[in-house]
């Protein structure tokens, strides 16, 4: 059974940090790119970041560049999203997604992934 399980969300004050984890199982982790998305109430889902271990590439939404860092621990089948200098506008449900497409990260904001996680809530208070 394929699973993507997010964790690490919570309530934090503006300027604080959180680290989200996306633990994968049920598929060959090394063959997949992993992306993070978020969806705030009343807003469309947006792509936040993507990592491809095969290509050695990372991608970020402009508004999180310099504040968020995506990384992968292939030995643990886990991708992390380190979020620093959090802002109230970062408040959303954060989802991870996996795609087997080699160039998925180049267009992850529009390409449909193979698998989705259930999401974890991040709330940033002002």
PDB file of N, CA and C in Angstrom:
ATOM      1  N   UNK A   1       0.844  -1.200   0.000  1.00  0.00           N
ATOM      2  CA  UNK A   1       0.000   0.000   0.000  1.00  0.00           C
ATOM      3  C   UNK A   1       0.878   1.247   0.000  1.00  0.00           C
ATOM      4  N   UNK A   2       0.606   2.143  -0.944  1.00  0.00           N
ATOM      5  CA  UNK A   2       1.348   3.401  -1.010  1.00  0.00           C
ATOM      6  C   UNK A   2       0.853   4.358   0.073  1.00  0.00           C
ATOM      7  N   UNK A   3       1.802   4.943   0.772  1.00  0.00           N
ATOM      8  CA  UNK A   3       1.452   5.940   1.784  1.00  0.00           C
ATOM      9  C   UNK A   3       2.428   7.103   1.753  1.00  0.00           C
ATOM     10  N   UNK A   4       1.886   8.284   1.890  1.00  0.00           N
ATOM     11  CA  UNK A   4       2.661   9.497   2.148  1.00  0.00           C
ATOM     12  C   UNK A   4       2.066  10.094   3.412  1.00  0.00           C
ATOM     13  N   UNK A   5       2.875  10.187   4.437  1.00  0.00           N
ATOM     14  CA  UNK A   5       2.373  10.655   5.726  1.00  0.00           C
ATOM     15  C   UNK A   5       3.133  11.910   6.137  1.00  0.00           C
ATOM     16  N   UNK A   6       2.398  13.020   6.210  1.00  0.00           N
ATOM     17  CA  UNK A   6       3.001  14.280   6.628  1.00  0.00           C
ATOM     18  C   UNK A   6       2.923  14.415   8.146  1.00  0.00           C
ATOM     19  N   UNK A   7       3.906  15.091   8.697  1.00  0.00           N
ATOM     20  CA  UNK A   7       3.900  15.402  10.124  1.00  0.00           C
ATOM     21  C   UNK A   7       4.715  16.660  10.348  1.00  0.00           C
ATOM     22  N   UNK A   8       4.606  17.214  11.558  1.00  0.00           N
ATOM     23  CA  UNK A   8       5.411  18.374  11.918  1.00  0.00           C
ATOM     24  C   UNK A   8       4.671  19.692  11.902  1.00  0.00           C
ATOM     25  N   UNK A   9       3.418  19.674  11.474  1.00  0.00           N
ATOM     26  CA  UNK A   9       2.659  20.910  11.491  1.00  0.00           C
ATOM     27  C   UNK A   9       2.318  21.344  12.899  1.00  0.00           C
ATOM     28  N   UNK A  10       1.779  22.548  13.009  1.00  0.00           N
ATOM     29  CA  UNK A  10       1.408  23.049  14.323  1.00  0.00           C
ATOM     30  C   UNK A  10       1.162  24.532  14.298  1.00  0.00           C
ATOM     31  N   UNK A  11       1.095  25.107  15.491  1.00  0.00           N
ATOM     32  CA  UNK A  11       0.870  26.536  15.666  1.00  0.00           C
ATOM     33  C   UNK A  11       2.184  27.184  16.065  1.00  0.00           C
ATOM     34  N   UNK A  12       2.555  28.242  15.376  1.00  0.00           N
ATOM     35  CA  UNK A  12       3.802  28.935  15.653  1.00  0.00           C
ATOM     36  C   UNK A  12       3.586  30.429  15.468  1.00  0.00           C
ATOM     37  N   UNK A  13       4.341  31.219  16.190  1.00  0.00           N
ATOM     38  CA  UNK A  13       4.259  32.661  16.028  1.00  0.00           C
ATOM     39  C   UNK A  13       5.024  33.114  14.790  1.00  0.00           C
ATOM     40  N   UNK A  14       4.634  34.236  14.250  1.00  0.00           N
ATOM     41  CA  UNK A  14       5.338  34.807  13.109  1.00  0.00           C
ATOM     42  C   UNK A  14       6.824  34.962  13.449  1.00  0.00           C
ATOM     43  N   UNK A  15       7.659  34.602  12.479  1.00  0.00           N
ATOM     44  CA  UNK A  15       9.097  34.632  12.695  1.00  0.00           C
ATOM     45  C   UNK A  15       9.668  33.317  13.174  1.00  0.00           C
ATOM     46  N   UNK A  16       8.788  32.398  13.556  1.00  0.00           N
ATOM     47  CA  UNK A  16       9.230  31.108  14.058  1.00  0.00           C
ATOM     48  C   UNK A  16       9.516  30.112  12.956  1.00  0.00           C
ATOM     49  N   UNK A  17       9.802  28.878  13.362  1.00  0.00           N
ATOM     50  CA  UNK A  17      10.182  27.822  12.425  1.00  0.00           C
ATOM     51  C   UNK A  17       9.404  26.546  12.696  1.00  0.00           C
ATOM     52  N   UNK A  18       9.239  25.771  11.651  1.00  0.00           N
ATOM     53  CA  UNK A  18       8.692  24.424  11.738  1.00  0.00           C
ATOM     54  C   UNK A  18       9.417  23.566  10.710  1.00  0.00           C
ATOM     55  N   UNK A  19       9.503  22.270  10.991  1.00  0.00           N
ATOM     56  CA  UNK A  19      10.019  21.340  10.001  1.00  0.00           C
ATOM     57  C   UNK A  19       8.967  20.283   9.718  1.00  0.00           C
ATOM     58  N   UNK A  20       8.525  20.252   8.491  1.00  0.00           N
ATOM     59  CA  UNK A  20       7.561  19.240   8.073  1.00  0.00           C
ATOM     60  C   UNK A  20       8.299  18.020   7.539  1.00  0.00           C
ATOM     61  N   UNK A  21       7.704  16.858   7.763  1.00  0.00           N
ATOM     62  CA  UNK A  21       8.243  15.612   7.246  1.00  0.00           C
ATOM     63  C   UNK A  21       7.200  14.932   6.380  1.00  0.00           C
ATOM     64  N   UNK A  22       7.671  14.261   5.358  1.00  0.00           N
ATOM     65  CA  UNK A  22       6.813  13.459   4.492  1.00  0.00           C
ATOM     66  C   UNK A  22       7.448  12.083   4.398  1.00  0.00           C
ATOM     67  N   UNK A  23       6.865  11.141   5.097  1.00  0.00           N
ATOM     68  CA  UNK A  23       7.393   9.774   5.124  1.00  0.00           C
ATOM     69  C   UNK A  23       6.675   8.935   4.076  1.00  0.00           C
ATOM     70  N   UNK A  24       7.448   8.307   3.198  1.00  0.00           N
ATOM     71  CA  UNK A  24       6.878   7.546   2.089  1.00  0.00           C
ATOM     72  C   UNK A  24       7.069   6.056   2.285  1.00  0.00           C
ATOM     73  N   UNK A  25       6.113   5.291   1.815  1.00  0.00           N
ATOM     74  CA  UNK A  25       6.217   3.830   1.838  1.00  0.00           C
ATOM     75  C   UNK A  25       5.356   3.250   0.724  1.00  0.00           C
ATOM     76  N   UNK A  26       5.691   2.034   0.338  1.00  0.00           N
ATOM     77  CA  UNK A  26       4.887   1.342  -0.674  1.00  0.00           C
ATOM     78  C   UNK A  26       5.313   1.573  -2.101  1.00  0.00           C
ATOM     79  N   UNK A  27       6.385   2.332  -2.324  1.00  0.00           N
ATOM     80  CA  UNK A  27       6.909   2.526  -3.668  1.00  0.00           C
ATOM     81  C   UNK A  27       8.408   2.770  -3.575  1.00  0.00           C
ATOM     82  N   UNK A  28       9.074   2.690  -4.724  1.00  0.00           N
ATOM     83  CA  UNK A  28      10.528   2.856  -4.758  1.00  0.00           C
ATOM     84  C   UNK A  28      10.846   4.340  -4.649  1.00  0.00           C
ATOM     85  N   UNK A  29      11.162   4.764  -3.454  1.00  0.00           N
ATOM     86  CA  UNK A  29      11.309   6.180  -3.143  1.00  0.00           C
ATOM     87  C   UNK A  29      12.306   6.877  -4.070  1.00  0.00           C
ATOM     88  N   UNK A  30      13.420   6.220  -4.366  1.00  0.00           N
ATOM     89  CA  UNK A  30      14.474   6.847  -5.166  1.00  0.00           C
ATOM     90  C   UNK A  30      14.012   7.192  -6.574  1.00  0.00           C
ATOM     91  N   UNK A  31      12.961   6.563  -7.056  1.00  0.00           N
ATOM     92  CA  UNK A  31      12.476   6.784  -8.420  1.00  0.00           C
ATOM     93  C   UNK A  31      11.461   7.918  -8.517  1.00  0.00           C
ATOM     94  N   UNK A  32      11.180   8.569  -7.402  1.00  0.00           N
ATOM     95  CA  UNK A  32      10.117   9.559  -7.373  1.00  0.00           C
ATOM     96  C   UNK A  32      10.621  10.931  -6.969  1.00  0.00           C
ATOM     97  N   UNK A  33      10.039  11.955  -7.587  1.00  0.00           N
ATOM     98  CA  UNK A  33      10.208  13.323  -7.113  1.00  0.00           C
ATOM     99  C   UNK A  33       9.110  13.597  -6.084  1.00  0.00           C
ATOM    100  N   UNK A  34       9.443  14.410  -5.098  1.00  0.00           N
ATOM    101  CA  UNK A  34       8.503  14.736  -4.031  1.00  0.00           C
ATOM    102  C   UNK A  34       8.288  16.241  -3.991  1.00  0.00           C
ATOM    103  N   UNK A  35       7.046  16.623  -3.910  1.00  0.00           N
ATOM    104  CA  UNK A  35       6.711  18.046  -3.849  1.00  0.00           C
ATOM    105  C   UNK A  35       5.865  18.355  -2.622  1.00  0.00           C
ATOM    106  N   UNK A  36       5.938  19.596  -2.207  1.00  0.00           N
ATOM    107  CA  UNK A  36       5.073  20.117  -1.151  1.00  0.00           C
ATOM    108  C   UNK A  36       4.119  21.136  -1.757  1.00  0.00           C
ATOM    109  N   UNK A  37       2.866  21.029  -1.369  1.00  0.00           N
ATOM    110  CA  UNK A  37       1.834  21.965  -1.756  1.00  0.00           C
ATOM    111  C   UNK A  37       1.181  22.502  -0.492  1.00  0.00           C
ATOM    112  N   UNK A  38       0.445  23.588  -0.648  1.00  0.00           N
ATOM    113  CA  UNK A  38      -0.337  24.090   0.474  1.00  0.00           C
ATOM    114  C   UNK A  38      -1.644  24.665  -0.033  1.00  0.00           C
ATOM    115  N   UNK A  39      -2.619  24.644   0.851  1.00  0.00           N
ATOM    116  CA  UNK A  39      -3.914  25.215   0.518  1.00  0.00           C
ATOM    117  C   UNK A  39      -4.479  25.922   1.737  1.00  0.00           C
ATOM    118  N   UNK A  40      -4.672  27.217   1.581  1.00  0.00           N
ATOM    119  CA  UNK A  40      -5.267  28.026   2.643  1.00  0.00           C
ATOM    120  C   UNK A  40      -6.775  28.083   2.431  1.00  0.00           C
ATOM    121  N   UNK A  41      -7.531  28.350   3.489  1.00  0.00           N
ATOM    122  CA  UNK A  41      -8.991  28.422   3.355  1.00  0.00           C
ATOM    123  C   UNK A  41      -9.406  29.435   2.300  1.00  0.00           C
ATOM    124  N   UNK A  42     -10.259  29.018   1.389  1.00  0.00           N
ATOM    125  CA  UNK A  42     -10.769  29.914   0.369  1.00  0.00           C
ATOM    126  C   UNK A  42      -9.813  30.196  -0.769  1.00  0.00           C
ATOM    127  N   UNK A  43      -8.669  29.529  -0.758  1.00  0.00           N
ATOM    128  CA  UNK A  43      -7.678  29.764  -1.811  1.00  0.00           C
ATOM    129  C   UNK A  43      -7.370  28.478  -2.554  1.00  0.00           C
ATOM    130  N   UNK A  44      -6.825  28.635  -3.740  1.00  0.00           N
ATOM    131  CA  UNK A  44      -6.436  27.472  -4.512  1.00  0.00           C
ATOM    132  C   UNK A  44      -5.149  26.876  -3.958  1.00  0.00           C
ATOM    133  N   UNK A  45      -5.008  25.602  -4.221  1.00  0.00           N
ATOM    134  CA  UNK A  45      -3.775  24.933  -3.825  1.00  0.00           C
ATOM    135  C   UNK A  45      -2.608  25.491  -4.634  1.00  0.00           C
ATOM    136  N   UNK A  46      -1.454  25.642  -3.974  1.00  0.00           N
ATOM    137  CA  UNK A  46      -0.273  26.142  -4.685  1.00  0.00           C
ATOM    138  C   UNK A  46       0.934  25.280  -4.370  1.00  0.00           C
ATOM    139  N   UNK A  47       1.795  25.137  -5.357  1.00  0.00           N
ATOM    140  CA  UNK A  47       3.024  24.386  -5.178  1.00  0.00           C
ATOM    141  C   UNK A  47       4.021  25.211  -4.407  1.00  0.00           C
ATOM    142  N   UNK A  48       4.641  24.615  -3.411  1.00  0.00           N
ATOM    143  CA  UNK A  48       5.583  25.319  -2.543  1.00  0.00           C
ATOM    144  C   UNK A  48       7.023  24.960  -2.886  1.00  0.00           C
ATOM    145  N   UNK A  49       7.285  23.682  -3.071  1.00  0.00           N
ATOM    146  CA  UNK A  49       8.662  23.249  -3.309  1.00  0.00           C
ATOM    147  C   UNK A  49       8.659  21.837  -3.879  1.00  0.00           C
ATOM    148  N   UNK A  50       9.759  21.494  -4.540  1.00  0.00           N
ATOM    149  CA  UNK A  50       9.864  20.171  -5.139  1.00  0.00           C
ATOM    150  C   UNK A  50      11.321  19.738  -5.143  1.00  0.00           C
ATOM    151  N   UNK A  51      11.543  18.442  -4.953  1.00  0.00           N
ATOM    152  CA  UNK A  51      12.899  17.922  -4.977  1.00  0.00           C
ATOM    153  C   UNK A  51      12.952  16.664  -5.822  1.00  0.00           C
ATOM    154  N   UNK A  52      13.987  16.580  -6.644  1.00  0.00           N
ATOM    155  CA  UNK A  52      14.225  15.396  -7.457  1.00  0.00           C
ATOM    156  C   UNK A  52      15.611  14.860  -7.126  1.00  0.00           C
ATOM    157  N   UNK A  53      15.653  13.734  -6.465  1.00  0.00           N
ATOM    158  CA  UNK A  53      16.941  13.134  -6.121  1.00  0.00           C
ATOM    159  C   UNK A  53      17.654  12.640  -7.373  1.00  0.00           C
ATOM    160  N   UNK A  54      16.888  12.168  -8.341  1.00  0.00           N
ATOM    161  CA  UNK A  54      17.495  11.656  -9.578  1.00  0.00           C
ATOM    162  C   UNK A  54      18.209  12.762 -10.337  1.00  0.00           C
ATOM    163  N   UNK A  55      17.614  13.951 -10.363  1.00  0.00           N
ATOM    164  CA  UNK A  55      18.220  15.061 -11.101  1.00  0.00           C
ATOM    165  C   UNK A  55      19.042  15.967 -10.205  1.00  0.00           C
ATOM    166  N   UNK A  56      18.953  15.775  -8.908  1.00  0.00           N
ATOM    167  CA  UNK A  56      19.682  16.643  -7.988  1.00  0.00           C
ATOM    168  C   UNK A  56      19.194  18.070  -8.033  1.00  0.00           C
ATOM    169  N   UNK A  57      17.890  18.254  -8.161  1.00  0.00           N
ATOM    170  CA  UNK A  57      17.341  19.598  -8.305  1.00  0.00           C
ATOM    171  C   UNK A  57      16.302  19.889  -7.240  1.00  0.00           C
ATOM    172  N   UNK A  58      16.189  21.174  -6.934  1.00  0.00           N
ATOM    173  CA  UNK A  58      15.147  21.652  -6.030  1.00  0.00           C
ATOM    174  C   UNK A  58      14.480  22.873  -6.659  1.00  0.00           C
ATOM    175  N   UNK A  59      13.228  23.068  -6.315  1.00  0.00           N
ATOM    176  CA  UNK A  59      12.460  24.181  -6.859  1.00  0.00           C
ATOM    177  C   UNK A  59      11.654  24.795  -5.721  1.00  0.00           C
ATOM    178  N   UNK A  60      11.441  26.121  -5.805  1.00  0.00           N
ATOM    179  CA  UNK A  60      10.705  26.817  -4.750  1.00  0.00           C
ATOM    180  C   UNK A  60       9.753  27.859  -5.324  1.00  0.00           C
ATOM    181  N   UNK A  61       8.646  28.011  -4.629  1.00  0.00           N
ATOM    182  CA  UNK A  61       7.751  29.131  -4.877  1.00  0.00           C
ATOM    183  C   UNK A  61       8.496  30.409  -4.530  1.00  0.00           C
ATOM    184  N   UNK A  62       8.333  31.452  -5.332  1.00  0.00           N
ATOM    185  CA  UNK A  62       9.105  32.675  -5.105  1.00  0.00           C
ATOM    186  C   UNK A  62       8.932  33.220  -3.693  1.00  0.00           C
ATOM    187  N   UNK A  63       7.738  33.149  -3.170  1.00  0.00           N
ATOM    188  CA  UNK A  63       7.466  33.770  -1.870  1.00  0.00           C
ATOM    189  C   UNK A  63       8.099  33.018  -0.696  1.00  0.00           C
ATOM    190  N   UNK A  64       8.633  31.824  -0.941  1.00  0.00           N
ATOM    191  CA  UNK A  64       9.265  31.079   0.155  1.00  0.00           C
ATOM    192  C   UNK A  64      10.773  30.945  -0.031  1.00  0.00           C
ATOM    193  N   UNK A  65      11.287  31.413  -1.163  1.00  0.00           N
ATOM    194  CA  UNK A  65      12.729  31.322  -1.401  1.00  0.00           C
ATOM    195  C   UNK A  65      13.496  32.076  -0.317  1.00  0.00           C
ATOM    196  N   UNK A  66      14.541  31.433   0.174  1.00  0.00           N
ATOM    197  CA  UNK A  66      15.333  32.035   1.238  1.00  0.00           C
ATOM    198  C   UNK A  66      14.789  31.764   2.626  1.00  0.00           C
ATOM    199  N   UNK A  67      13.555  31.261   2.712  1.00  0.00           N
ATOM    200  CA  UNK A  67      12.966  30.949   4.023  1.00  0.00           C
ATOM    201  C   UNK A  67      12.733  29.445   4.195  1.00  0.00           C
ATOM    202  N   UNK A  68      12.373  28.771   3.127  1.00  0.00           N
ATOM    203  CA  UNK A  68      12.085  27.328   3.173  1.00  0.00           C
ATOM    204  C   UNK A  68      13.205  26.562   2.495  1.00  0.00           C
ATOM    205  N   UNK A  69      13.486  25.374   3.024  1.00  0.00           N
ATOM    206  CA  UNK A  69      14.482  24.496   2.426  1.00  0.00           C
ATOM    207  C   UNK A  69      13.923  23.077   2.360  1.00  0.00           C
ATOM    208  N   UNK A  70      13.965  22.496   1.182  1.00  0.00           N
ATOM    209  CA  UNK A  70      13.511  21.119   1.005  1.00  0.00           C
ATOM    210  C   UNK A  70      14.732  20.208   0.964  1.00  0.00           C
ATOM    211  N   UNK A  71      14.606  19.046   1.581  1.00  0.00           N
ATOM    212  CA  UNK A  71      15.713  18.091   1.573  1.00  0.00           C
ATOM    213  C   UNK A  71      15.140  16.684   1.612  1.00  0.00           C
ATOM    214  N   UNK A  72      15.997  15.735   1.285  1.00  0.00           N
ATOM    215  CA  UNK A  72      15.546  14.346   1.200  1.00  0.00           C
ATOM    216  C   UNK A  72      16.535  13.440   1.897  1.00  0.00           C
ATOM    217  N   UNK A  73      16.042  12.516   2.681  1.00  0.00           N
ATOM    218  CA  UNK A  73      16.849  11.468   3.287  1.00  0.00           C
ATOM    219  C   UNK A  73      16.375  10.153   2.673  1.00  0.00           C
ATOM    220  N   UNK A  74      17.050   9.724   1.625  1.00  0.00           N
ATOM    221  CA  UNK A  74      16.591   8.541   0.904  1.00  0.00           C
ATOM    222  C   UNK A  74      16.709   7.267   1.738  1.00  0.00           C
ATOM    223  N   UNK A  75      17.623   7.257   2.690  1.00  0.00           N
ATOM    224  CA  UNK A  75      17.756   6.086   3.562  1.00  0.00           C
ATOM    225  C   UNK A  75      16.522   5.921   4.443  1.00  0.00           C
ATOM    226  N   UNK A  76      15.848   7.045   4.727  1.00  0.00           N
ATOM    227  CA  UNK A  76      14.652   7.009   5.567  1.00  0.00           C
ATOM    228  C   UNK A  76      13.373   7.170   4.760  1.00  0.00           C
ATOM    229  N   UNK A  77      13.502   7.260   3.441  1.00  0.00           N
ATOM    230  CA  UNK A  77      12.330   7.474   2.570  1.00  0.00           C
ATOM    231  C   UNK A  77      11.511   8.667   3.048  1.00  0.00           C
ATOM    232  N   UNK A  78      12.196   9.737   3.371  1.00  0.00           N
ATOM    233  CA  UNK A  78      11.531  10.911   3.952  1.00  0.00           C
ATOM    234  C   UNK A  78      12.053  12.185   3.310  1.00  0.00           C
ATOM    235  N   UNK A  79      11.124  13.077   3.025  1.00  0.00           N
ATOM    236  CA  UNK A  79      11.455  14.412   2.548  1.00  0.00           C
ATOM    237  C   UNK A  79      11.047  15.409   3.623  1.00  0.00           C
ATOM    238  N   UNK A  80      11.883  16.419   3.805  1.00  0.00           N
ATOM    239  CA  UNK A  80      11.636  17.436   4.829  1.00  0.00           C
ATOM    240  C   UNK A  80      11.416  18.795   4.180  1.00  0.00           C
ATOM    241  N   UNK A  81      10.650  19.613   4.852  1.00  0.00           N
ATOM    242  CA  UNK A  81      10.511  21.009   4.466  1.00  0.00           C
ATOM    243  C   UNK A  81      10.785  21.846   5.706  1.00  0.00           C
ATOM    244  N   UNK A  82      11.970  22.419   5.744  1.00  0.00           N
ATOM    245  CA  UNK A  82      12.337  23.310   6.844  1.00  0.00           C
ATOM    246  C   UNK A  82      11.795  24.694   6.531  1.00  0.00           C
ATOM    247  N   UNK A  83      10.964  25.201   7.411  1.00  0.00           N
ATOM    248  CA  UNK A  83      10.310  26.490   7.182  1.00  0.00           C
ATOM    249  C   UNK A  83      10.747  27.459   8.267  1.00  0.00           C
ATOM    250  N   UNK A  84      11.450  28.493   7.857  1.00  0.00           N
ATOM    251  CA  UNK A  84      11.932  29.515   8.779  1.00  0.00           C
ATOM    252  C   UNK A  84      11.278  30.855   8.478  1.00  0.00           C
ATOM    253  N   UNK A  85      11.395  31.764   9.422  1.00  0.00           N
ATOM    254  CA  UNK A  85      10.827  33.112   9.289  1.00  0.00           C
ATOM    255  C   UNK A  85       9.385  33.014   8.782  1.00  0.00           C
ATOM    256  N   UNK A  86       8.602  32.220   9.456  1.00  0.00           N
ATOM    257  CA  UNK A  86       7.230  31.992   9.030  1.00  0.00           C
ATOM    258  C   UNK A  86       6.394  33.251   9.147  1.00  0.00           C
ATOM    259  N   UNK A  87       5.460  33.387   8.220  1.00  0.00           N
ATOM    260  CA  UNK A  87       4.579  34.545   8.161  1.00  0.00           C
ATOM    261  C   UNK A  87       3.130  34.074   8.265  1.00  0.00           C
ATOM    262  N   UNK A  88       2.237  34.931   8.701  1.00  0.00           N
ATOM    263  CA  UNK A  88       0.822  34.526   8.772  1.00  0.00           C
ATOM    264  C   UNK A  88       0.288  34.017   7.443  1.00  0.00           C
ATOM    265  N   UNK A  89       0.801  34.562   6.335  1.00  0.00           N
ATOM    266  CA  UNK A  89       0.323  34.114   5.019  1.00  0.00           C
ATOM    267  C   UNK A  89       0.817  32.719   4.649  1.00  0.00           C
ATOM    268  N   UNK A  90       1.675  32.138   5.466  1.00  0.00           N
ATOM    269  CA  UNK A  90       2.083  30.743   5.257  1.00  0.00           C
ATOM    270  C   UNK A  90       1.073  29.770   5.854  1.00  0.00           C
ATOM    271  N   UNK A  91       0.098  30.292   6.571  1.00  0.00           N
ATOM    272  CA  UNK A  91      -0.917  29.436   7.181  1.00  0.00           C
ATOM    273  C   UNK A  91      -1.689  28.680   6.106  1.00  0.00           C
ATOM    274  N   UNK A  92      -1.716  27.359   6.247  1.00  0.00           N
ATOM    275  CA  UNK A  92      -2.385  26.503   5.251  1.00  0.00           C
ATOM    276  C   UNK A  92      -2.279  25.056   5.702  1.00  0.00           C
ATOM    277  N   UNK A  93      -2.994  24.207   4.999  1.00  0.00           N
ATOM    278  CA  UNK A  93      -2.749  22.769   5.102  1.00  0.00           C
ATOM    279  C   UNK A  93      -1.667  22.435   4.081  1.00  0.00           C
ATOM    280  N   UNK A  94      -0.627  21.773   4.544  1.00  0.00           N
ATOM    281  CA  UNK A  94       0.503  21.421   3.687  1.00  0.00           C
ATOM    282  C   UNK A  94       0.413  19.939   3.335  1.00  0.00           C
ATOM    283  N   UNK A  95       0.557  19.661   2.051  1.00  0.00           N
ATOM    284  CA  UNK A  95       0.472  18.303   1.531  1.00  0.00           C
ATOM    285  C   UNK A  95       1.779  17.953   0.828  1.00  0.00           C
ATOM    286  N   UNK A  96       2.173  16.702   0.914  1.00  0.00           N
ATOM    287  CA  UNK A  96       3.254  16.244   0.056  1.00  0.00           C
ATOM    288  C   UNK A  96       2.663  15.343  -1.027  1.00  0.00           C
ATOM    289  N   UNK A  97       3.386  15.283  -2.133  1.00  0.00           N
ATOM    290  CA  UNK A  97       2.935  14.506  -3.284  1.00  0.00           C
ATOM    291  C   UNK A  97       4.151  13.865  -3.939  1.00  0.00           C
ATOM    292  N   UNK A  98       3.933  12.743  -4.604  1.00  0.00           N
ATOM    293  CA  UNK A  98       5.023  12.015  -5.247  1.00  0.00           C
ATOM    294  C   UNK A  98       4.689  11.755  -6.707  1.00  0.00           C
ATOM    295  N   UNK A  99       5.693  11.928  -7.547  1.00  0.00           N
ATOM    296  CA  UNK A  99       5.520  11.660  -8.968  1.00  0.00           C
ATOM    297  C   UNK A  99       6.702  10.870  -9.503  1.00  0.00           C
ATOM    298  N   UNK A 100       6.406   9.899 -10.367  1.00  0.00           N
ATOM    299  CA  UNK A 100       7.460   9.099 -10.966  1.00  0.00           C
ATOM    300  C   UNK A 100       8.040   9.778 -12.207  1.00  0.00           C
ATOM    301  N   UNK A 101       7.407  10.843 -12.674  1.00  0.00           N
ATOM    302  CA  UNK A 101       7.893  11.523 -13.880  1.00  0.00           C
ATOM    303  C   UNK A 101       9.257  12.145 -13.634  1.00  0.00           C
ATOM    304  N   UNK A 102      10.200  11.874 -14.524  1.00  0.00           N
ATOM    305  CA  UNK A 102      11.566  12.341 -14.325  1.00  0.00           C
ATOM    306  C   UNK A 102      11.644  13.865 -14.186  1.00  0.00           C
ATOM    307  N   UNK A 103      10.888  14.579 -14.985  1.00  0.00           N
ATOM    308  CA  UNK A 103      10.960  16.042 -14.971  1.00  0.00           C
ATOM    309  C   UNK A 103       9.770  16.670 -14.252  1.00  0.00           C
ATOM    310  N   UNK A 104       9.211  15.946 -13.323  1.00  0.00           N
ATOM    311  CA  UNK A 104       8.033  16.428 -12.603  1.00  0.00           C
ATOM    312  C   UNK A 104       8.265  17.787 -11.953  1.00  0.00           C
ATOM    313  N   UNK A 105       9.408  17.964 -11.328  1.00  0.00           N
ATOM    314  CA  UNK A 105       9.646  19.203 -10.592  1.00  0.00           C
ATOM    315  C   UNK A 105       9.658  20.433 -11.505  1.00  0.00           C
ATOM    316  N   UNK A 106       9.979  20.235 -12.765  1.00  0.00           N
ATOM    317  CA  UNK A 106       9.997  21.370 -13.684  1.00  0.00           C
ATOM    318  C   UNK A 106       8.609  21.951 -13.893  1.00  0.00           C
ATOM    319  N   UNK A 107       7.599  21.153 -13.660  1.00  0.00           N
ATOM    320  CA  UNK A 107       6.232  21.632 -13.859  1.00  0.00           C
ATOM    321  C   UNK A 107       5.284  21.162 -12.780  1.00  0.00           C
ATOM    322  N   UNK A 108       5.816  21.023 -11.555  1.00  0.00           N
ATOM    323  CA  UNK A 108       5.007  20.399 -10.511  1.00  0.00           C
ATOM    324  C   UNK A 108       3.773  21.205 -10.142  1.00  0.00           C
ATOM    325  N   UNK A 109       3.786  22.490 -10.451  1.00  0.00           N
ATOM    326  CA  UNK A 109       2.617  23.303 -10.105  1.00  0.00           C
ATOM    327  C   UNK A 109       1.416  22.964 -10.981  1.00  0.00           C
ATOM    328  N   UNK A 110       1.659  22.293 -12.110  1.00  0.00           N
ATOM    329  CA  UNK A 110       0.544  21.954 -13.000  1.00  0.00           C
ATOM    330  C   UNK A 110       0.398  20.453 -13.232  1.00  0.00           C
ATOM    331  N   UNK A 111       1.493  19.696 -13.132  1.00  0.00           N
ATOM    332  CA  UNK A 111       1.414  18.256 -13.394  1.00  0.00           C
ATOM    333  C   UNK A 111       0.747  17.540 -12.225  1.00  0.00           C
ATOM    334  N   UNK A 112      -0.068  16.560 -12.543  1.00  0.00           N
ATOM    335  CA  UNK A 112      -0.727  15.781 -11.507  1.00  0.00           C
ATOM    336  C   UNK A 112       0.237  14.703 -11.017  1.00  0.00           C
ATOM    337  N   UNK A 113       0.491  14.625  -9.708  1.00  0.00           N
ATOM    338  CA  UNK A 113       1.386  13.590  -9.186  1.00  0.00           C
ATOM    339  C   UNK A 113       0.691  12.237  -9.134  1.00  0.00           C
ATOM    340  N   UNK A 114       1.462  11.213  -8.827  1.00  0.00           N
ATOM    341  CA  UNK A 114       0.896   9.874  -8.702  1.00  0.00           C
ATOM    342  C   UNK A 114       0.208   9.667  -7.353  1.00  0.00           C
ATOM    343  N   UNK A 115       0.769  10.276  -6.309  1.00  0.00           N
ATOM    344  CA  UNK A 115       0.246  10.041  -4.963  1.00  0.00           C
ATOM    345  C   UNK A 115       0.207  11.338  -4.160  1.00  0.00           C
ATOM    346  N   UNK A 116      -0.747  11.383  -3.251  1.00  0.00           N
ATOM    347  CA  UNK A 116      -0.900  12.520  -2.328  1.00  0.00           C
ATOM    348  C   UNK A 116      -0.922  12.028  -0.882  1.00  0.00           C
ATOM    349  N   UNK A 117      -0.422  12.882  -0.001  1.00  0.00           N
ATOM    350  CA  UNK A 117      -0.592  12.634   1.419  1.00  0.00           C
ATOM    351  C   UNK A 117      -1.878  13.273   1.910  1.00  0.00           C
ATOM    352  N   UNK A 118      -2.138  13.122   3.210  1.00  0.00           N
ATOM    353  CA  UNK A 118      -3.390  13.610   3.791  1.00  0.00           C
ATOM    354  C   UNK A 118      -3.286  15.045   4.282  1.00  0.00           C
ATOM    355  N   UNK A 119      -2.102  15.538   4.462  1.00  0.00           N
ATOM    356  CA  UNK A 119      -1.930  16.932   4.850  1.00  0.00           C
ATOM    357  C   UNK A 119      -1.652  17.132   6.325  1.00  0.00           C
ATOM    358  N   UNK A 120      -1.015  18.247   6.631  1.00  0.00           N
ATOM    359  CA  UNK A 120      -0.751  18.651   8.010  1.00  0.00           C
ATOM    360  C   UNK A 120      -0.983  20.158   8.110  1.00  0.00           C
ATOM    361  N   UNK A 121      -1.640  20.579   9.179  1.00  0.00           N
ATOM    362  CA  UNK A 121      -2.007  21.987   9.329  1.00  0.00           C
ATOM    363  C   UNK A 121      -0.830  22.783   9.877  1.00  0.00           C
ATOM    364  N   UNK A 122      -0.581  23.916   9.231  1.00  0.00           N
ATOM    365  CA  UNK A 122       0.399  24.892   9.726  1.00  0.00           C
ATOM    366  C   UNK A 122      -0.343  26.202   9.957  1.00  0.00           C
ATOM    367  N   UNK A 123      -0.254  26.704  11.168  1.00  0.00           N
ATOM    368  CA  UNK A 123      -0.910  27.959  11.514  1.00  0.00           C
ATOM    369  C   UNK A 123       0.131  28.912  12.085  1.00  0.00           C
ATOM    370  N   UNK A 124       0.245  30.078  11.477  1.00  0.00           N
ATOM    371  CA  UNK A 124       1.213  31.081  11.919  1.00  0.00           C
ATOM    372  C   UNK A 124       0.436  32.272  12.456  1.00  0.00           C
ATOM    373  N   UNK A 125       0.628  32.555  13.716  1.00  0.00           N
ATOM    374  CA  UNK A 125      -0.083  33.668  14.342  1.00  0.00           C
ATOM    375  C   UNK A 125       0.747  34.937  14.251  1.00  0.00           C
ATOM    376  N   UNK A 126       0.051  36.064  14.156  1.00  0.00           N
ATOM    377  CA  UNK A 126       0.757  37.351  14.026  1.00  0.00           C
ATOM    378  C   UNK A 126       1.039  37.965  15.379  1.00  0.00           C
TER     379      UNK A 126
END
